[in-house]
Amino acid sequence: GLDFLIEYNGEQHYTAVAAYGGGRKLAQQKHNDAAKMRYCSKHGIPLIIIPYYDYEKIDLEYIFEKAGI
Protein backbone atom coordinates (compact mmCIF):
# COMPACT_ATOMS: atom_id res chain seq x y z
CA GLY A 1 0.00 0.00 0.00
CA LEU A 2 0.85 3.64 -0.05
CA ASP A 3 2.20 5.42 2.99
CA PHE A 4 0.92 8.76 1.68
CA LEU A 5 0.44 10.83 -1.47
CA ILE A 6 1.93 14.26 -2.03
CA GLU A 7 0.32 16.92 -4.18
CA TYR A 8 1.80 20.32 -4.88
CA ASN A 9 -1.00 22.83 -5.45
CA GLY A 10 -0.18 25.84 -7.58
CA GLU A 11 -1.98 29.15 -7.26
CA GLN A 12 -4.68 27.95 -9.70
CA HIS A 13 -5.97 25.60 -6.98
CA TYR A 14 -6.93 28.60 -4.80
CA THR A 15 -7.64 31.59 -7.06
CA ALA A 16 -8.72 32.23 -10.64
CA VAL A 17 -5.58 32.48 -12.79
CA ALA A 18 -6.15 33.63 -16.37
CA ALA A 19 -3.25 31.55 -17.71
CA TYR A 20 -4.93 28.42 -16.31
CA GLY A 21 -8.47 29.12 -17.54
CA GLY A 22 -9.73 31.67 -15.02
CA GLY A 23 -12.85 31.21 -12.89
CA ARG A 24 -14.37 28.37 -14.90
CA LYS A 25 -11.22 26.30 -14.56
CA LEU A 26 -10.95 27.19 -10.84
CA ALA A 27 -14.39 25.68 -10.21
CA GLN A 28 -13.36 22.52 -12.07
CA GLN A 29 -10.06 22.40 -10.14
CA LYS A 30 -11.86 22.67 -6.79
CA HIS A 31 -14.22 19.87 -7.86
CA ASN A 32 -11.28 17.65 -8.86
CA ASP A 33 -9.40 18.43 -5.64
CA ALA A 34 -12.45 17.51 -3.55
CA ALA A 35 -12.85 14.23 -5.46
CA LYS A 36 -9.18 13.42 -4.87
CA MET A 37 -9.56 14.10 -1.13
CA ARG A 38 -12.68 11.92 -0.93
CA TYR A 39 -10.93 9.08 -2.77
CA CYS A 40 -7.90 9.20 -0.51
CA SER A 41 -10.07 9.37 2.60
CA LYS A 42 -12.23 6.45 1.46
CA HIS A 43 -9.15 4.32 0.77
CA GLY A 44 -7.21 5.31 3.89
CA ILE A 45 -4.48 7.11 1.95
CA PRO A 46 -3.08 10.18 3.71
CA LEU A 47 -2.93 13.09 1.25
CA ILE A 48 -0.28 15.72 1.88
CA ILE A 49 -1.18 18.93 0.09
CA ILE A 50 1.61 21.44 -0.32
CA PRO A 51 0.34 24.91 -1.25
CA TYR A 52 2.30 27.11 -3.65
CA TYR A 53 2.96 29.68 -0.92
CA ASP A 54 5.02 27.08 0.99
CA TYR A 55 7.30 26.45 -2.00
CA GLU A 56 10.39 27.93 -0.33
CA LYS A 57 9.83 25.77 2.77
CA ILE A 58 9.77 22.41 0.97
CA ASP A 59 12.47 20.01 2.13
CA LEU A 60 12.50 16.54 3.68
CA GLU A 61 11.79 17.92 7.15
CA TYR A 62 8.74 19.77 5.80
CA ILE A 63 7.45 16.60 4.10
CA PHE A 64 8.07 14.44 7.17
CA GLU A 65 6.29 16.96 9.39
CA LYS A 66 3.26 17.04 7.07
CA ALA A 67 3.28 13.22 6.98
CA GLY A 68 3.51 12.99 10.77
CA ILE A 69 6.81 11.14 10.64
PDB file of N, CA and C in Angstrom:
ATOM      1  N   GLY A   1       0.811  -1.191   0.000  1.00  0.00           N
ATOM      2  CA  GLY A   1       0.000   0.000   0.000  1.00  0.00           C
ATOM      3  C   GLY A   1       0.852   1.250   0.000  1.00  0.00           C
ATOM      4  N   LEU A   2       0.182   2.343  -0.047  1.00  0.00           N
ATOM      5  CA  LEU A   2       0.849   3.642  -0.048  1.00  0.00           C
ATOM      6  C   LEU A   2       0.925   4.192   1.365  1.00  0.00           C
ATOM      7  N   ASP A   3       2.071   4.757   1.704  1.00  0.00           N
ATOM      8  CA  ASP A   3       2.199   5.424   2.994  1.00  0.00           C
ATOM      9  C   ASP A   3       1.473   6.761   2.963  1.00  0.00           C
ATOM     10  N   PHE A   4       1.622   7.499   1.871  1.00  0.00           N
ATOM     11  CA  PHE A   4       0.920   8.762   1.677  1.00  0.00           C
ATOM     12  C   PHE A   4       1.131   9.245   0.247  1.00  0.00           C
ATOM     13  N   LEU A   5       0.300  10.173  -0.171  1.00  0.00           N
ATOM     14  CA  LEU A   5       0.441  10.833  -1.473  1.00  0.00           C
ATOM     15  C   LEU A   5       0.795  12.288  -1.227  1.00  0.00           C
ATOM     16  N   ILE A   6       1.570  12.850  -2.121  1.00  0.00           N
ATOM     17  CA  ILE A   6       1.934  14.260  -2.035  1.00  0.00           C
ATOM     18  C   ILE A   6       1.408  14.962  -3.278  1.00  0.00           C
ATOM     19  N   GLU A   7       0.750  16.094  -3.054  1.00  0.00           N
ATOM     20  CA  GLU A   7       0.322  16.925  -4.179  1.00  0.00           C
ATOM     21  C   GLU A   7       0.777  18.348  -3.925  1.00  0.00           C
ATOM     22  N   TYR A   8       1.417  18.917  -4.927  1.00  0.00           N
ATOM     23  CA  TYR A   8       1.801  20.325  -4.878  1.00  0.00           C
ATOM     24  C   TYR A   8       0.711  21.108  -5.589  1.00  0.00           C
ATOM     25  N   ASN A   9       0.083  22.035  -4.878  1.00  0.00           N
ATOM     26  CA  ASN A   9      -0.995  22.831  -5.452  1.00  0.00           C
ATOM     27  C   ASN A   9      -0.491  24.218  -5.821  1.00  0.00           C
ATOM     28  N   GLY A  10      -0.531  24.505  -7.106  1.00  0.00           N
ATOM     29  CA  GLY A  10      -0.184  25.841  -7.582  1.00  0.00           C
ATOM     30  C   GLY A  10      -1.283  26.834  -7.246  1.00  0.00           C
ATOM     31  N   GLU A  11      -1.037  28.080  -7.562  1.00  0.00           N
ATOM     32  CA  GLU A  11      -1.983  29.155  -7.256  1.00  0.00           C
ATOM     33  C   GLU A  11      -3.362  28.887  -7.850  1.00  0.00           C
ATOM     34  N   GLN A  12      -3.411  28.215  -9.014  1.00  0.00           N
ATOM     35  CA  GLN A  12      -4.678  27.953  -9.696  1.00  0.00           C
ATOM     36  C   GLN A  12      -5.604  27.032  -8.905  1.00  0.00           C
ATOM     37  N   HIS A  13      -5.115  26.420  -7.838  1.00  0.00           N
ATOM     38  CA  HIS A  13      -5.968  25.601  -6.975  1.00  0.00           C
ATOM     39  C   HIS A  13      -6.747  26.459  -5.980  1.00  0.00           C
ATOM     40  N   TYR A  14      -6.360  27.730  -5.829  1.00  0.00           N
ATOM     41  CA  TYR A  14      -6.933  28.597  -4.803  1.00  0.00           C
ATOM     42  C   TYR A  14      -7.596  29.856  -5.350  1.00  0.00           C
ATOM     43  N   THR A  15      -7.090  30.364  -6.472  1.00  0.00           N
ATOM     44  CA  THR A  15      -7.638  31.587  -7.060  1.00  0.00           C
ATOM     45  C   THR A  15      -7.728  31.430  -8.577  1.00  0.00           C
ATOM     46  N   ALA A  16      -8.580  32.250  -9.179  1.00  0.00           N
ATOM     47  CA  ALA A  16      -8.719  32.231 -10.637  1.00  0.00           C
ATOM     48  C   ALA A  16      -7.454  32.820 -11.259  1.00  0.00           C
ATOM     49  N   VAL A  17      -6.803  32.046 -12.106  1.00  0.00           N
ATOM     50  CA  VAL A  17      -5.584  32.478 -12.792  1.00  0.00           C
ATOM     51  C   VAL A  17      -5.866  32.407 -14.290  1.00  0.00           C
ATOM     52  N   ALA A  18      -5.798  33.556 -14.948  1.00  0.00           N
ATOM     53  CA  ALA A  18      -6.146  33.625 -16.370  1.00  0.00           C
ATOM     54  C   ALA A  18      -5.360  32.617 -17.209  1.00  0.00           C
ATOM     55  N   ALA A  19      -4.089  32.470 -16.933  1.00  0.00           N
ATOM     56  CA  ALA A  19      -3.248  31.553 -17.714  1.00  0.00           C
ATOM     57  C   ALA A  19      -3.691  30.096 -17.583  1.00  0.00           C
ATOM     58  N   TYR A  20      -4.459  29.791 -16.537  1.00  0.00           N
ATOM     59  CA  TYR A  20      -4.932  28.416 -16.314  1.00  0.00           C
ATOM     60  C   TYR A  20      -6.434  28.277 -16.540  1.00  0.00           C
ATOM     61  N   GLY A  21      -7.058  29.247 -17.200  1.00  0.00           N
ATOM     62  CA  GLY A  21      -8.467  29.121 -17.541  1.00  0.00           C
ATOM     63  C   GLY A  21      -9.415  29.963 -16.717  1.00  0.00           C
ATOM     64  N   GLY A  22      -8.902  30.760 -15.793  1.00  0.00           N
ATOM     65  CA  GLY A  22      -9.733  31.674 -15.023  1.00  0.00           C
ATOM     66  C   GLY A  22     -10.719  30.991 -14.092  1.00  0.00           C
ATOM     67  N   GLY A  23     -11.847  31.672 -13.859  1.00  0.00           N
ATOM     68  CA  GLY A  23     -12.845  31.214 -12.892  1.00  0.00           C
ATOM     69  C   GLY A  23     -13.482  29.881 -13.223  1.00  0.00           C
ATOM     70  N   ARG A  24     -13.752  29.643 -14.505  1.00  0.00           N
ATOM     71  CA  ARG A  24     -14.370  28.371 -14.903  1.00  0.00           C
ATOM     72  C   ARG A  24     -13.450  27.208 -14.554  1.00  0.00           C
ATOM     73  N   LYS A  25     -12.187  27.362 -14.846  1.00  0.00           N
ATOM     74  CA  LYS A  25     -11.217  26.305 -14.560  1.00  0.00           C
ATOM     75  C   LYS A  25     -11.006  26.157 -13.051  1.00  0.00           C
ATOM     76  N   LEU A  26     -11.084  27.255 -12.300  1.00  0.00           N
ATOM     77  CA  LEU A  26     -10.946  27.187 -10.845  1.00  0.00           C
ATOM     78  C   LEU A  26     -12.047  26.318 -10.252  1.00  0.00           C
ATOM     79  N   ALA A  27     -13.280  26.498 -10.710  1.00  0.00           N
ATOM     80  CA  ALA A  27     -14.394  25.682 -10.212  1.00  0.00           C
ATOM     81  C   ALA A  27     -14.143  24.205 -10.504  1.00  0.00           C
ATOM     82  N   GLN A  28     -13.661  23.905 -11.698  1.00  0.00           N
ATOM     83  CA  GLN A  28     -13.358  22.518 -12.066  1.00  0.00           C
ATOM     84  C   GLN A  28     -12.221  21.979 -11.203  1.00  0.00           C
ATOM     85  N   GLN A  29     -11.208  22.813 -10.957  1.00  0.00           N
ATOM     86  CA  GLN A  29     -10.064  22.397 -10.144  1.00  0.00           C
ATOM     87  C   GLN A  29     -10.509  22.069  -8.722  1.00  0.00           C
ATOM     88  N   LYS A  30     -11.361  22.911  -8.151  1.00  0.00           N
ATOM     89  CA  LYS A  30     -11.862  22.671  -6.790  1.00  0.00           C
ATOM     90  C   LYS A  30     -12.666  21.369  -6.735  1.00  0.00           C
ATOM     91  N   HIS A  31     -13.457  21.116  -7.777  1.00  0.00           N
ATOM     92  CA  HIS A  31     -14.220  19.868  -7.857  1.00  0.00           C
ATOM     93  C   HIS A  31     -13.272  18.669  -7.900  1.00  0.00           C
ATOM     94  N   ASN A  32     -12.251  18.744  -8.745  1.00  0.00           N
ATOM     95  CA  ASN A  32     -11.276  17.653  -8.860  1.00  0.00           C
ATOM     96  C   ASN A  32     -10.513  17.441  -7.558  1.00  0.00           C
ATOM     97  N   ASP A  33     -10.124  18.529  -6.905  1.00  0.00           N
ATOM     98  CA  ASP A  33      -9.397  18.426  -5.637  1.00  0.00           C
ATOM     99  C   ASP A  33     -10.263  17.751  -4.570  1.00  0.00           C
ATOM    100  N   ALA A  34     -11.540  18.118  -4.522  1.00  0.00           N
ATOM    101  CA  ALA A  34     -12.453  17.511  -3.546  1.00  0.00           C
ATOM    102  C   ALA A  34     -12.615  16.016  -3.824  1.00  0.00           C
ATOM    103  N   ALA A  35     -12.722  15.644  -5.100  1.00  0.00           N
ATOM    104  CA  ALA A  35     -12.849  14.229  -5.463  1.00  0.00           C
ATOM    105  C   ALA A  35     -11.602  13.458  -5.049  1.00  0.00           C
ATOM    106  N   LYS A  36     -10.448  14.052  -5.246  1.00  0.00           N
ATOM    107  CA  LYS A  36      -9.181  13.419  -4.866  1.00  0.00           C
ATOM    108  C   LYS A  36      -9.123  13.209  -3.349  1.00  0.00           C
ATOM    109  N   MET A  37      -9.550  14.221  -2.595  1.00  0.00           N
ATOM    110  CA  MET A  37      -9.555  14.103  -1.130  1.00  0.00           C
ATOM    111  C   MET A  37     -10.524  13.016  -0.667  1.00  0.00           C
ATOM    112  N   ARG A  38     -11.703  12.962  -1.291  1.00  0.00           N
ATOM    113  CA  ARG A  38     -12.676  11.922  -0.932  1.00  0.00           C
ATOM    114  C   ARG A  38     -12.121  10.535  -1.230  1.00  0.00           C
ATOM    115  N   TYR A  39     -11.502  10.368  -2.387  1.00  0.00           N
ATOM    116  CA  TYR A  39     -10.927   9.082  -2.775  1.00  0.00           C
ATOM    117  C   TYR A  39      -9.874   8.645  -1.764  1.00  0.00           C
ATOM    118  N   CYS A  40      -8.965   9.538  -1.454  1.00  0.00           N
ATOM    119  CA  CYS A  40      -7.896   9.204  -0.507  1.00  0.00           C
ATOM    120  C   CYS A  40      -8.473   8.860   0.860  1.00  0.00           C
ATOM    121  N   SER A  41      -9.439   9.630   1.305  1.00  0.00           N
ATOM    122  CA  SER A  41     -10.068   9.372   2.600  1.00  0.00           C
ATOM    123  C   SER A  41     -10.752   8.006   2.610  1.00  0.00           C
ATOM    124  N   LYS A  42     -11.504   7.716   1.560  1.00  0.00           N
ATOM    125  CA  LYS A  42     -12.225   6.447   1.460  1.00  0.00           C
ATOM    126  C   LYS A  42     -11.281   5.249   1.472  1.00  0.00           C
ATOM    127  N   HIS A  43     -10.097   5.416   0.887  1.00  0.00           N
ATOM    128  CA  HIS A  43      -9.146   4.317   0.766  1.00  0.00           C
ATOM    129  C   HIS A  43      -8.034   4.356   1.813  1.00  0.00           C
ATOM    130  N   GLY A  44      -8.185   5.246   2.798  1.00  0.00           N
ATOM    131  CA  GLY A  44      -7.214   5.311   3.890  1.00  0.00           C
ATOM    132  C   GLY A  44      -5.826   5.760   3.464  1.00  0.00           C
ATOM    133  N   ILE A  45      -5.766   6.612   2.449  1.00  0.00           N
ATOM    134  CA  ILE A  45      -4.480   7.108   1.953  1.00  0.00           C
ATOM    135  C   ILE A  45      -4.298   8.554   2.426  1.00  0.00           C
ATOM    136  N   PRO A  46      -3.331   8.802   3.293  1.00  0.00           N
ATOM    137  CA  PRO A  46      -3.081  10.184   3.706  1.00  0.00           C
ATOM    138  C   PRO A  46      -2.641  11.025   2.501  1.00  0.00           C
ATOM    139  N   LEU A  47      -3.249  12.191   2.360  1.00  0.00           N
ATOM    140  CA  LEU A  47      -2.929  13.092   1.253  1.00  0.00           C
ATOM    141  C   LEU A  47      -2.262  14.335   1.820  1.00  0.00           C
ATOM    142  N   ILE A  48      -1.018  14.535   1.450  1.00  0.00           N
ATOM    143  CA  ILE A  48      -0.276  15.717   1.877  1.00  0.00           C
ATOM    144  C   ILE A  48      -0.387  16.747   0.762  1.00  0.00           C
ATOM    145  N   ILE A  49      -1.011  17.865   1.076  1.00  0.00           N
ATOM    146  CA  ILE A  49      -1.178  18.926   0.089  1.00  0.00           C
ATOM    147  C   ILE A  49      -0.213  20.052   0.437  1.00  0.00           C
ATOM    148  N   ILE A  50       0.636  20.369  -0.513  1.00  0.00           N
ATOM    149  CA  ILE A  50       1.609  21.439  -0.320  1.00  0.00           C
ATOM    150  C   ILE A  50       1.161  22.638  -1.154  1.00  0.00           C
ATOM    151  N   PRO A  51       0.778  23.731  -0.503  1.00  0.00           N
ATOM    152  CA  PRO A  51       0.344  24.910  -1.247  1.00  0.00           C
ATOM    153  C   PRO A  51       1.528  25.683  -1.838  1.00  0.00           C
ATOM    154  N   TYR A  52       1.251  26.363  -2.940  1.00  0.00           N
ATOM    155  CA  TYR A  52       2.297  27.109  -3.650  1.00  0.00           C
ATOM    156  C   TYR A  52       3.026  28.104  -2.757  1.00  0.00           C
ATOM    157  N   TYR A  53       2.324  28.671  -1.774  1.00  0.00           N
ATOM    158  CA  TYR A  53       2.962  29.679  -0.920  1.00  0.00           C
ATOM    159  C   TYR A  53       3.945  29.070   0.084  1.00  0.00           C
ATOM    160  N   ASP A  54       4.012  27.756   0.155  1.00  0.00           N
ATOM    161  CA  ASP A  54       5.017  27.079   0.992  1.00  0.00           C
ATOM    162  C   ASP A  54       6.208  26.590   0.170  1.00  0.00           C
ATOM    163  N   TYR A  55       6.273  26.961  -1.100  1.00  0.00           N
ATOM    164  CA  TYR A  55       7.304  26.451  -2.003  1.00  0.00           C
ATOM    165  C   TYR A  55       8.712  26.563  -1.419  1.00  0.00           C
ATOM    166  N   GLU A  56       9.037  27.698  -0.862  1.00  0.00           N
ATOM    167  CA  GLU A  56      10.390  27.928  -0.331  1.00  0.00           C
ATOM    168  C   GLU A  56      10.687  27.081   0.903  1.00  0.00           C
ATOM    169  N   LYS A  57       9.664  26.560   1.549  1.00  0.00           N
ATOM    170  CA  LYS A  57       9.830  25.767   2.773  1.00  0.00           C
ATOM    171  C   LYS A  57      10.025  24.275   2.501  1.00  0.00           C
ATOM    172  N   ILE A  58       9.788  23.842   1.264  1.00  0.00           N
ATOM    173  CA  ILE A  58       9.768  22.409   0.969  1.00  0.00           C
ATOM    174  C   ILE A  58      11.162  21.800   1.074  1.00  0.00           C
ATOM    175  N   ASP A  59      11.283  20.852   1.993  1.00  0.00           N
ATOM    176  CA  ASP A  59      12.468  20.014   2.127  1.00  0.00           C
ATOM    177  C   ASP A  59      12.006  18.731   2.815  1.00  0.00           C
ATOM    178  N   LEU A  60      12.910  17.810   3.068  1.00  0.00           N
ATOM    179  CA  LEU A  60      12.502  16.539   3.683  1.00  0.00           C
ATOM    180  C   LEU A  60      11.852  16.742   5.041  1.00  0.00           C
ATOM    181  N   GLU A  61      12.372  17.659   5.829  1.00  0.00           N
ATOM    182  CA  GLU A  61      11.788  17.920   7.151  1.00  0.00           C
ATOM    183  C   GLU A  61      10.341  18.392   7.015  1.00  0.00           C
ATOM    184  N   TYR A  62      10.087  19.264   6.057  1.00  0.00           N
ATOM    185  CA  TYR A  62       8.741  19.766   5.800  1.00  0.00           C
ATOM    186  C   TYR A  62       7.808  18.605   5.443  1.00  0.00           C
ATOM    187  N   ILE A  63       8.252  17.743   4.531  1.00  0.00           N
ATOM    188  CA  ILE A  63       7.448  16.596   4.103  1.00  0.00           C
ATOM    189  C   ILE A  63       7.189  15.659   5.278  1.00  0.00           C
ATOM    190  N   PHE A  64       8.225  15.343   6.030  1.00  0.00           N
ATOM    191  CA  PHE A  64       8.071  14.439   7.172  1.00  0.00           C
ATOM    192  C   PHE A  64       7.110  15.019   8.202  1.00  0.00           C
ATOM    193  N   GLU A  65       7.196  16.321   8.436  1.00  0.00           N
ATOM    194  CA  GLU A  65       6.287  16.964   9.393  1.00  0.00           C
ATOM    195  C   GLU A  65       4.845  16.852   8.914  1.00  0.00           C
ATOM    196  N   LYS A  66       4.610  17.143   7.633  1.00  0.00           N
ATOM    197  CA  LYS A  66       3.258  17.040   7.069  1.00  0.00           C
ATOM    198  C   LYS A  66       2.741  15.599   7.120  1.00  0.00           C
ATOM    199  N   ALA A  67       3.658  14.636   6.966  1.00  0.00           N
ATOM    200  CA  ALA A  67       3.285  13.216   6.982  1.00  0.00           C
ATOM    201  C   ALA A  67       3.165  12.665   8.397  1.00  0.00           C
ATOM    202  N   GLY A  68       3.572  13.457   9.386  1.00  0.00           N
ATOM    203  CA  GLY A  68       3.511  12.991  10.771  1.00  0.00           C
ATOM    204  C   GLY A  68       4.588  11.981  11.103  1.00  0.00           C
ATOM    205  N   ILE A  69       5.702  12.084  10.416  1.00  0.00           N
ATOM    206  CA  ILE A  69       6.810  11.139  10.637  1.00  0.00           C
ATOM    207  C   ILE A  69       7.814  11.756  11.597  1.00  0.00           C
TER     208      ILE A  69
END
